[in-house]
Amino acid sequence: KASRAVMDALKPGICWVDMHLLAN
């Protein structure tokens, strides 16, 4: 679920740190 949440959110302009925190 964490993996797919990141995939759904990932796009240009997104901060990679925020993706890490989203997965957490």
mmCIF file of all heavy atoms, coordinates in Angstrom:
data_MODEL
# 
_entry.id   MODEL 
# 
loop_
_atom_site.group_PDB 
_atom_site.id 
_atom_site.type_symbol 
_atom_site.label_atom_id 
_atom_site.label_alt_id 
_atom_site.label_comp_id 
_atom_site.label_asym_id 
_atom_site.label_entity_id 
_atom_site.label_seq_id 
_atom_site.pdbx_PDB_ins_code 
_atom_site.Cartn_x 
_atom_site.Cartn_y 
_atom_site.Cartn_z 
_atom_site.occupancy 
_atom_site.B_iso_or_equiv 
_atom_site.pdbx_formal_charge 
_atom_site.auth_seq_id 
_atom_site.auth_comp_id 
_atom_site.auth_asym_id 
_atom_site.auth_atom_id 
_atom_site.pdbx_PDB_model_num 
ATOM 1   N N   . LYS A 1 1  ? 0.833  -1.205 0.000   1.00 0.00 ? 1  LYS A N   1 
ATOM 2   C CA  . LYS A 1 1  ? 0.000  0.000  0.000   1.00 0.00 ? 1  LYS A CA  1 
ATOM 3   C C   . LYS A 1 1  ? 0.868  1.256  0.000   1.00 0.00 ? 1  LYS A C   1 
ATOM 4   O O   . LYS A 1 1  ? 0.557  2.238  -0.682  1.00 0.00 ? 1  LYS A O   1 
ATOM 5   C CB  . LYS A 1 1  ? -0.920 -0.012 1.215   1.00 0.00 ? 1  LYS A CB  1 
ATOM 6   C CG  . LYS A 1 1  ? -2.001 1.053  1.184   1.00 0.00 ? 1  LYS A CG  1 
ATOM 7   C CD  . LYS A 1 1  ? -3.019 0.841  2.291   1.00 0.00 ? 1  LYS A CD  1 
ATOM 8   C CE  . LYS A 1 1  ? -4.137 1.882  2.202   1.00 0.00 ? 1  LYS A CE  1 
ATOM 9   N NZ  . LYS A 1 1  ? -5.158 1.672  3.277   1.00 0.00 ? 1  LYS A NZ  1 
ATOM 10  N N   . ALA A 1 2  ? 1.979  1.218  0.748   1.00 0.00 ? 2  ALA A N   1 
ATOM 11  C CA  . ALA A 1 2  ? 2.904  2.356  0.765   1.00 0.00 ? 2  ALA A CA  1 
ATOM 12  C C   . ALA A 1 2  ? 3.527  2.564  -0.618  1.00 0.00 ? 2  ALA A C   1 
ATOM 13  O O   . ALA A 1 2  ? 3.643  3.698  -1.098  1.00 0.00 ? 2  ALA A O   1 
ATOM 14  C CB  . ALA A 1 2  ? 3.986  2.132  1.817   1.00 0.00 ? 2  ALA A CB  1 
ATOM 15  N N   . SER A 1 3  ? 3.928  1.469  -1.252  1.00 0.00 ? 3  SER A N   1 
ATOM 16  C CA  . SER A 1 3  ? 4.528  1.543  -2.575  1.00 0.00 ? 3  SER A CA  1 
ATOM 17  C C   . SER A 1 3  ? 3.578  2.185  -3.573  1.00 0.00 ? 3  SER A C   1 
ATOM 18  O O   . SER A 1 3  ? 3.953  3.104  -4.321  1.00 0.00 ? 3  SER A O   1 
ATOM 19  C CB  . SER A 1 3  ? 4.913  0.137  -3.050  1.00 0.00 ? 3  SER A CB  1 
ATOM 20  O OG  . SER A 1 3  ? 5.171  0.105  -4.431  1.00 0.00 ? 3  SER A OG  1 
ATOM 21  N N   . ARG A 1 4  ? 2.344  1.730  -3.575  1.00 0.00 ? 4  ARG A N   1 
ATOM 22  C CA  . ARG A 1 4  ? 1.381  2.228  -4.561  1.00 0.00 ? 4  ARG A CA  1 
ATOM 23  C C   . ARG A 1 4  ? 0.934  3.648  -4.240  1.00 0.00 ? 4  ARG A C   1 
ATOM 24  O O   . ARG A 1 4  ? 0.612  4.416  -5.157  1.00 0.00 ? 4  ARG A O   1 
ATOM 25  C CB  . ARG A 1 4  ? 0.181  1.289  -4.634  1.00 0.00 ? 4  ARG A CB  1 
ATOM 26  C CG  . ARG A 1 4  ? 0.353  0.118  -5.623  1.00 0.00 ? 4  ARG A CG  1 
ATOM 27  C CD  . ARG A 1 4  ? 1.769  -0.422 -5.670  1.00 0.00 ? 4  ARG A CD  1 
ATOM 28  N NE  . ARG A 1 4  ? 2.029  -1.314 -6.796  1.00 0.00 ? 4  ARG A NE  1 
ATOM 29  C CZ  . ARG A 1 4  ? 3.208  -1.804 -7.113  1.00 0.00 ? 4  ARG A CZ  1 
ATOM 30  N NH1 . ARG A 1 4  ? 4.268  -1.500 -6.374  1.00 0.00 ? 4  ARG A NH1 1 
ATOM 31  N NH2 . ARG A 1 4  ? 3.373  -2.576 -8.151  1.00 0.00 ? 4  ARG A NH2 1 
ATOM 32  N N   . ALA A 1 5  ? 0.960  4.039  -2.982  1.00 0.00 ? 5  ALA A N   1 
ATOM 33  C CA  . ALA A 1 5  ? 0.649  5.430  -2.642  1.00 0.00 ? 5  ALA A CA  1 
ATOM 34  C C   . ALA A 1 5  ? 1.701  6.369  -3.216  1.00 0.00 ? 5  ALA A C   1 
ATOM 35  O O   . ALA A 1 5  ? 1.376  7.452  -3.739  1.00 0.00 ? 5  ALA A O   1 
ATOM 36  C CB  . ALA A 1 5  ? 0.567  5.583  -1.121  1.00 0.00 ? 5  ALA A CB  1 
ATOM 37  N N   . VAL A 1 6  ? 2.957  5.977  -3.132  1.00 0.00 ? 6  VAL A N   1 
ATOM 38  C CA  . VAL A 1 6  ? 4.031  6.791  -3.709  1.00 0.00 ? 6  VAL A CA  1 
ATOM 39  C C   . VAL A 1 6  ? 3.903  6.846  -5.225  1.00 0.00 ? 6  VAL A C   1 
ATOM 40  O O   . VAL A 1 6  ? 4.026  7.914  -5.837  1.00 0.00 ? 6  VAL A O   1 
ATOM 41  C CB  . VAL A 1 6  ? 5.410  6.247  -3.286  1.00 0.00 ? 6  VAL A CB  1 
ATOM 42  C CG1 . VAL A 1 6  ? 6.523  6.963  -4.043  1.00 0.00 ? 6  VAL A CG1 1 
ATOM 43  C CG2 . VAL A 1 6  ? 5.610  6.389  -1.785  1.00 0.00 ? 6  VAL A CG2 1 
ATOM 44  N N   . MET A 1 7  ? 3.648  5.700  -5.855  1.00 0.00 ? 7  MET A N   1 
ATOM 45  C CA  . MET A 1 7  ? 3.500  5.686  -7.311  1.00 0.00 ? 7  MET A CA  1 
ATOM 46  C C   . MET A 1 7  ? 2.363  6.599  -7.764  1.00 0.00 ? 7  MET A C   1 
ATOM 47  O O   . MET A 1 7  ? 2.481  7.311  -8.774  1.00 0.00 ? 7  MET A O   1 
ATOM 48  C CB  . MET A 1 7  ? 3.250  4.263  -7.798  1.00 0.00 ? 7  MET A CB  1 
ATOM 49  C CG  . MET A 1 7  ? 4.475  3.375  -7.760  1.00 0.00 ? 7  MET A CG  1 
ATOM 50  S SD  . MET A 1 7  ? 4.154  1.810  -8.610  1.00 0.00 ? 7  MET A SD  1 
ATOM 51  C CE  . MET A 1 7  ? 5.761  1.019  -8.460  1.00 0.00 ? 7  MET A CE  1 
ATOM 52  N N   . ASP A 1 8  ? 1.258  6.601  -7.013  1.00 0.00 ? 8  ASP A N   1 
ATOM 53  C CA  . ASP A 1 8  ? 0.113  7.433  -7.382  1.00 0.00 ? 8  ASP A CA  1 
ATOM 54  C C   . ASP A 1 8  ? 0.431  8.921  -7.245  1.00 0.00 ? 8  ASP A C   1 
ATOM 55  O O   . ASP A 1 8  ? -0.109 9.747  -7.983  1.00 0.00 ? 8  ASP A O   1 
ATOM 56  C CB  . ASP A 1 8  ? -1.096 7.084  -6.513  1.00 0.00 ? 8  ASP A CB  1 
ATOM 57  C CG  . ASP A 1 8  ? -1.688 5.713  -6.844  1.00 0.00 ? 8  ASP A CG  1 
ATOM 58  O OD1 . ASP A 1 8  ? -1.397 5.196  -7.948  1.00 0.00 ? 8  ASP A OD1 1 
ATOM 59  O OD2 . ASP A 1 8  ? -2.426 5.169  -6.008  1.00 0.00 ? 8  ASP A OD2 1 
ATOM 60  N N   . ALA A 1 9  ? 1.310  9.258  -6.286  1.00 0.00 ? 9  ALA A N   1 
ATOM 61  C CA  . ALA A 1 9  ? 1.600  10.662 -6.008  1.00 0.00 ? 9  ALA A CA  1 
ATOM 62  C C   . ALA A 1 9  ? 2.778  11.209 -6.809  1.00 0.00 ? 9  ALA A C   1 
ATOM 63  O O   . ALA A 1 9  ? 2.896  12.422 -6.984  1.00 0.00 ? 9  ALA A O   1 
ATOM 64  C CB  . ALA A 1 9  ? 1.883  10.840 -4.513  1.00 0.00 ? 9  ALA A CB  1 
ATOM 65  N N   . LEU A 1 10 ? 3.644  10.331 -7.298  1.00 0.00 ? 10 LEU A N   1 
ATOM 66  C CA  . LEU A 1 10 ? 4.898  10.775 -7.903  1.00 0.00 ? 10 LEU A CA  1 
ATOM 67  C C   . LEU A 1 10 ? 4.660  11.460 -9.243  1.00 0.00 ? 10 LEU A C   1 
ATOM 68  O O   . LEU A 1 10 ? 4.024  10.909 -10.134 1.00 0.00 ? 10 LEU A O   1 
ATOM 69  C CB  . LEU A 1 10 ? 5.834  9.578  -8.095  1.00 0.00 ? 10 LEU A CB  1 
ATOM 70  C CG  . LEU A 1 10 ? 7.278  9.910  -8.469  1.00 0.00 ? 10 LEU A CG  1 
ATOM 71  C CD1 . LEU A 1 10 ? 7.984  10.612 -7.321  1.00 0.00 ? 10 LEU A CD1 1 
ATOM 72  C CD2 . LEU A 1 10 ? 8.039  8.652  -8.881  1.00 0.00 ? 10 LEU A CD2 1 
ATOM 73  N N   . LYS A 1 11 ? 5.207  12.664 -9.378  1.00 0.00 ? 11 LYS A N   1 
ATOM 74  C CA  . LYS A 1 11 ? 5.135  13.425 -10.627 1.00 0.00 ? 11 LYS A CA  1 
ATOM 75  C C   . LYS A 1 11 ? 6.096  14.597 -10.503 1.00 0.00 ? 11 LYS A C   1 
ATOM 76  O O   . LYS A 1 11 ? 6.579  14.909 -9.414  1.00 0.00 ? 11 LYS A O   1 
ATOM 77  C CB  . LYS A 1 11 ? 3.715  13.914 -10.897 1.00 0.00 ? 11 LYS A CB  1 
ATOM 78  C CG  . LYS A 1 11 ? 3.171  14.849 -9.843  1.00 0.00 ? 11 LYS A CG  1 
ATOM 79  C CD  . LYS A 1 11 ? 1.736  15.248 -10.157 1.00 0.00 ? 11 LYS A CD  1 
ATOM 80  C CE  . LYS A 1 11 ? 1.180  16.175 -9.072  1.00 0.00 ? 11 LYS A CE  1 
ATOM 81  N NZ  . LYS A 1 11 ? -0.231 16.553 -9.364  1.00 0.00 ? 11 LYS A NZ  1 
ATOM 82  N N   . PRO A 1 12 ? 6.402  15.255 -11.615 1.00 0.00 ? 12 PRO A N   1 
ATOM 83  C CA  . PRO A 1 12 ? 7.293  16.419 -11.537 1.00 0.00 ? 12 PRO A CA  1 
ATOM 84  C C   . PRO A 1 12 ? 6.767  17.467 -10.553 1.00 0.00 ? 12 PRO A C   1 
ATOM 85  O O   . PRO A 1 12 ? 5.554  17.724 -10.482 1.00 0.00 ? 12 PRO A O   1 
ATOM 86  C CB  . PRO A 1 12 ? 7.302  16.940 -12.974 1.00 0.00 ? 12 PRO A CB  1 
ATOM 87  C CG  . PRO A 1 12 ? 7.013  15.738 -13.809 1.00 0.00 ? 12 PRO A CG  1 
ATOM 88  C CD  . PRO A 1 12 ? 6.047  14.929 -13.009 1.00 0.00 ? 12 PRO A CD  1 
ATOM 89  N N   . GLY A 1 13 ? 7.703  18.057 -9.786  1.00 0.00 ? 13 GLY A N   1 
ATOM 90  C CA  . GLY A 1 13 ? 7.344  19.075 -8.815  1.00 0.00 ? 13 GLY A CA  1 
ATOM 91  C C   . GLY A 1 13 ? 7.192  18.558 -7.403  1.00 0.00 ? 13 GLY A C   1 
ATOM 92  O O   . GLY A 1 13 ? 7.132  19.339 -6.446  1.00 0.00 ? 13 GLY A O   1 
ATOM 93  N N   . ILE A 1 14 ? 7.129  17.231 -7.247  1.00 0.00 ? 14 ILE A N   1 
ATOM 94  C CA  . ILE A 1 14 ? 6.986  16.614 -5.932  1.00 0.00 ? 14 ILE A CA  1 
ATOM 95  C C   . ILE A 1 14 ? 8.361  16.505 -5.276  1.00 0.00 ? 14 ILE A C   1 
ATOM 96  O O   . ILE A 1 14 ? 9.353  16.180 -5.929  1.00 0.00 ? 14 ILE A O   1 
ATOM 97  C CB  . ILE A 1 14 ? 6.344  15.214 -6.059  1.00 0.00 ? 14 ILE A CB  1 
ATOM 98  C CG1 . ILE A 1 14 ? 4.901  15.331 -6.524  1.00 0.00 ? 14 ILE A CG1 1 
ATOM 99  C CG2 . ILE A 1 14 ? 6.426  14.441 -4.757  1.00 0.00 ? 14 ILE A CG2 1 
ATOM 100 C CD1 . ILE A 1 14 ? 3.945  15.928 -5.521  1.00 0.00 ? 14 ILE A CD1 1 
ATOM 101 N N   . CYS A 1 15 ? 8.427  16.749 -3.964  1.00 0.00 ? 15 CYS A N   1 
ATOM 102 C CA  . CYS A 1 15 ? 9.674  16.594 -3.218  1.00 0.00 ? 15 CYS A CA  1 
ATOM 103 C C   . CYS A 1 15 ? 9.867  15.136 -2.830  1.00 0.00 ? 15 CYS A C   1 
ATOM 104 O O   . CYS A 1 15 ? 8.948  14.500 -2.298  1.00 0.00 ? 15 CYS A O   1 
ATOM 105 C CB  . CYS A 1 15 ? 9.646  17.477 -1.973  1.00 0.00 ? 15 CYS A CB  1 
ATOM 106 S SG  . CYS A 1 15 ? 11.064 17.248 -0.867  1.00 0.00 ? 15 CYS A SG  1 
ATOM 107 N N   . TRP A 1 16 ? 11.051 14.595 -3.092  1.00 0.00 ? 16 TRP A N   1 
ATOM 108 C CA  . TRP A 1 16 ? 11.326 13.183 -2.784  1.00 0.00 ? 16 TRP A CA  1 
ATOM 109 C C   . TRP A 1 16 ? 11.242 12.902 -1.280  1.00 0.00 ? 16 TRP A C   1 
ATOM 110 O O   . TRP A 1 16 ? 10.810 11.819 -0.872  1.00 0.00 ? 16 TRP A O   1 
ATOM 111 C CB  . TRP A 1 16 ? 12.685 12.790 -3.337  1.00 0.00 ? 16 TRP A CB  1 
ATOM 112 C CG  . TRP A 1 16 ? 13.014 11.334 -3.247  1.00 0.00 ? 16 TRP A CG  1 
ATOM 113 C CD1 . TRP A 1 16 ? 14.041 10.760 -2.564  1.00 0.00 ? 16 TRP A CD1 1 
ATOM 114 C CD2 . TRP A 1 16 ? 12.309 10.246 -3.879  1.00 0.00 ? 16 TRP A CD2 1 
ATOM 115 N NE1 . TRP A 1 16 ? 14.037 9.401  -2.727  1.00 0.00 ? 16 TRP A NE1 1 
ATOM 116 C CE2 . TRP A 1 16 ? 12.982 9.050  -3.524  1.00 0.00 ? 16 TRP A CE2 1 
ATOM 117 C CE3 . TRP A 1 16 ? 11.187 10.173 -4.692  1.00 0.00 ? 16 TRP A CE3 1 
ATOM 118 C CZ2 . TRP A 1 16 ? 12.554 7.793  -3.967  1.00 0.00 ? 16 TRP A CZ2 1 
ATOM 119 C CZ3 . TRP A 1 16 ? 10.767 8.925  -5.139  1.00 0.00 ? 16 TRP A CZ3 1 
ATOM 120 C CH2 . TRP A 1 16 ? 11.445 7.759  -4.774  1.00 0.00 ? 16 TRP A CH2 1 
ATOM 121 N N   . VAL A 1 17 ? 11.611 13.860 -0.455  1.00 0.00 ? 17 VAL A N   1 
ATOM 122 C CA  . VAL A 1 17 ? 11.486 13.688 1.002   1.00 0.00 ? 17 VAL A CA  1 
ATOM 123 C C   . VAL A 1 17 ? 10.023 13.461 1.375   1.00 0.00 ? 17 VAL A C   1 
ATOM 124 O O   . VAL A 1 17 ? 9.712  12.616 2.223   1.00 0.00 ? 17 VAL A O   1 
ATOM 125 C CB  . VAL A 1 17 ? 12.052 14.907 1.747   1.00 0.00 ? 17 VAL A CB  1 
ATOM 126 C CG1 . VAL A 1 17 ? 11.815 14.778 3.254   1.00 0.00 ? 17 VAL A CG1 1 
ATOM 127 C CG2 . VAL A 1 17 ? 13.543 15.063 1.470   1.00 0.00 ? 17 VAL A CG2 1 
ATOM 128 N N   . ASP A 1 18 ? 9.121  14.192 0.737   1.00 0.00 ? 18 ASP A N   1 
ATOM 129 C CA  . ASP A 1 18 ? 7.696  14.013 1.028   1.00 0.00 ? 18 ASP A CA  1 
ATOM 130 C C   . ASP A 1 18 ? 7.214  12.622 0.641   1.00 0.00 ? 18 ASP A C   1 
ATOM 131 O O   . ASP A 1 18 ? 6.317  12.059 1.288   1.00 0.00 ? 18 ASP A O   1 
ATOM 132 C CB  . ASP A 1 18 ? 6.872  15.072 0.290   1.00 0.00 ? 18 ASP A CB  1 
ATOM 133 C CG  . ASP A 1 18 ? 7.084  16.475 0.839   1.00 0.00 ? 18 ASP A CG  1 
ATOM 134 O OD1 . ASP A 1 18 ? 7.584  16.598 1.983   1.00 0.00 ? 18 ASP A OD1 1 
ATOM 135 O OD2 . ASP A 1 18 ? 6.769  17.448 0.123   1.00 0.00 ? 18 ASP A OD2 1 
ATOM 136 N N   . MET A 1 19 ? 7.801  12.045 -0.406  1.00 0.00 ? 19 MET A N   1 
ATOM 137 C CA  . MET A 1 19 ? 7.427  10.685 -0.800  1.00 0.00 ? 19 MET A CA  1 
ATOM 138 C C   . MET A 1 19 ? 7.880  9.670  0.261   1.00 0.00 ? 19 MET A C   1 
ATOM 139 O O   . MET A 1 19 ? 7.161  8.721  0.569   1.00 0.00 ? 19 MET A O   1 
ATOM 140 C CB  . MET A 1 19 ? 8.036  10.342 -2.159  1.00 0.00 ? 19 MET A CB  1 
ATOM 141 C CG  . MET A 1 19 ? 7.498  11.171 -3.320  1.00 0.00 ? 19 MET A CG  1 
ATOM 142 S SD  . MET A 1 19 ? 5.721  10.899 -3.657  1.00 0.00 ? 19 MET A SD  1 
ATOM 143 C CE  . MET A 1 19 ? 4.982  12.213 -2.664  1.00 0.00 ? 19 MET A CE  1 
ATOM 144 N N   . HIS A 1 20 ? 9.060  9.887  0.810   1.00 0.00 ? 20 HIS A N   1 
ATOM 145 C CA  . HIS A 1 20 ? 9.546  9.033  1.897   1.00 0.00 ? 20 HIS A CA  1 
ATOM 146 C C   . HIS A 1 20 ? 8.596  9.114  3.087   1.00 0.00 ? 20 HIS A C   1 
ATOM 147 O O   . HIS A 1 20 ? 8.214  8.086  3.673   1.00 0.00 ? 20 HIS A O   1 
ATOM 148 C CB  . HIS A 1 20 ? 10.949 9.480  2.290   1.00 0.00 ? 20 HIS A CB  1 
ATOM 149 C CG  . HIS A 1 20 ? 11.534 8.729  3.450   1.00 0.00 ? 20 HIS A CG  1 
ATOM 150 N ND1 . HIS A 1 20 ? 12.347 7.633  3.302   1.00 0.00 ? 20 HIS A ND1 1 
ATOM 151 C CD2 . HIS A 1 20 ? 11.428 8.929  4.792   1.00 0.00 ? 20 HIS A CD2 1 
ATOM 152 C CE1 . HIS A 1 20 ? 12.709 7.181  4.488   1.00 0.00 ? 20 HIS A CE1 1 
ATOM 153 N NE2 . HIS A 1 20 ? 12.167 7.957  5.411   1.00 0.00 ? 20 HIS A NE2 1 
ATOM 154 N N   . LEU A 1 21 ? 8.205  10.315 3.440   1.00 0.00 ? 21 LEU A N   1 
ATOM 155 C CA  . LEU A 1 21 ? 7.310  10.501 4.590   1.00 0.00 ? 21 LEU A CA  1 
ATOM 156 C C   . LEU A 1 21 ? 5.928  9.919  4.306   1.00 0.00 ? 21 LEU A C   1 
ATOM 157 O O   . LEU A 1 21 ? 5.283  9.370  5.215   1.00 0.00 ? 21 LEU A O   1 
ATOM 158 C CB  . LEU A 1 21 ? 7.214  11.980 4.931   1.00 0.00 ? 21 LEU A CB  1 
ATOM 159 C CG  . LEU A 1 21 ? 8.521  12.624 5.433   1.00 0.00 ? 21 LEU A CG  1 
ATOM 160 C CD1 . LEU A 1 21 ? 8.352  14.131 5.589   1.00 0.00 ? 21 LEU A CD1 1 
ATOM 161 C CD2 . LEU A 1 21 ? 8.970  11.997 6.749   1.00 0.00 ? 21 LEU A CD2 1 
ATOM 162 N N   . LEU A 1 22 ? 5.470  10.015 3.071   1.00 0.00 ? 22 LEU A N   1 
ATOM 163 C CA  . LEU A 1 22 ? 4.193  9.404  2.704   1.00 0.00 ? 22 LEU A CA  1 
ATOM 164 C C   . LEU A 1 22 ? 4.244  7.894  2.904   1.00 0.00 ? 22 LEU A C   1 
ATOM 165 O O   . LEU A 1 22 ? 3.311  7.290  3.467   1.00 0.00 ? 22 LEU A O   1 
ATOM 166 C CB  . LEU A 1 22 ? 3.861  9.735  1.250   1.00 0.00 ? 22 LEU A CB  1 
ATOM 167 C CG  . LEU A 1 22 ? 2.650  9.012  0.646   1.00 0.00 ? 22 LEU A CG  1 
ATOM 168 C CD1 . LEU A 1 22 ? 1.375  9.358  1.392   1.00 0.00 ? 22 LEU A CD1 1 
ATOM 169 C CD2 . LEU A 1 22 ? 2.525  9.346  -0.848  1.00 0.00 ? 22 LEU A CD2 1 
ATOM 170 N N   . ALA A 1 23 ? 5.325  7.264  2.447   1.00 0.00 ? 23 ALA A N   1 
ATOM 171 C CA  . ALA A 1 23 ? 5.469  5.818  2.630   1.00 0.00 ? 23 ALA A CA  1 
ATOM 172 C C   . ALA A 1 23 ? 5.487  5.466  4.111   1.00 0.00 ? 23 ALA A C   1 
ATOM 173 O O   . ALA A 1 23 ? 4.852  4.480  4.544   1.00 0.00 ? 23 ALA A O   1 
ATOM 174 C CB  . ALA A 1 23 ? 6.751  5.329  1.951   1.00 0.00 ? 23 ALA A CB  1 
ATOM 175 N N   . ASN A 1 24 ? 6.189  6.249  4.926   1.00 0.00 ? 24 ASN A N   1 
ATOM 176 C CA  . ASN A 1 24 ? 6.209  6.008  6.376   1.00 0.00 ? 24 ASN A CA  1 
ATOM 177 C C   . ASN A 1 24 ? 4.802  6.104  6.957   1.00 0.00 ? 24 ASN A C   1 
ATOM 178 O O   . ASN A 1 24 ? 4.385  5.252  7.761   1.00 0.00 ? 24 ASN A O   1 
ATOM 179 C CB  . ASN A 1 24 ? 7.106  7.040  7.062   1.00 0.00 ? 24 ASN A CB  1 
ATOM 180 C CG  . ASN A 1 24 ? 8.583  6.713  6.997   1.00 0.00 ? 24 ASN A CG  1 
ATOM 181 O OD1 . ASN A 1 24 ? 9.406  7.481  7.487   1.00 0.00 ? 24 ASN A OD1 1 
ATOM 182 N ND2 . ASN A 1 24 ? 8.952  5.595  6.398   1.00 0.00 ? 24 ASN A ND2 1 
# 
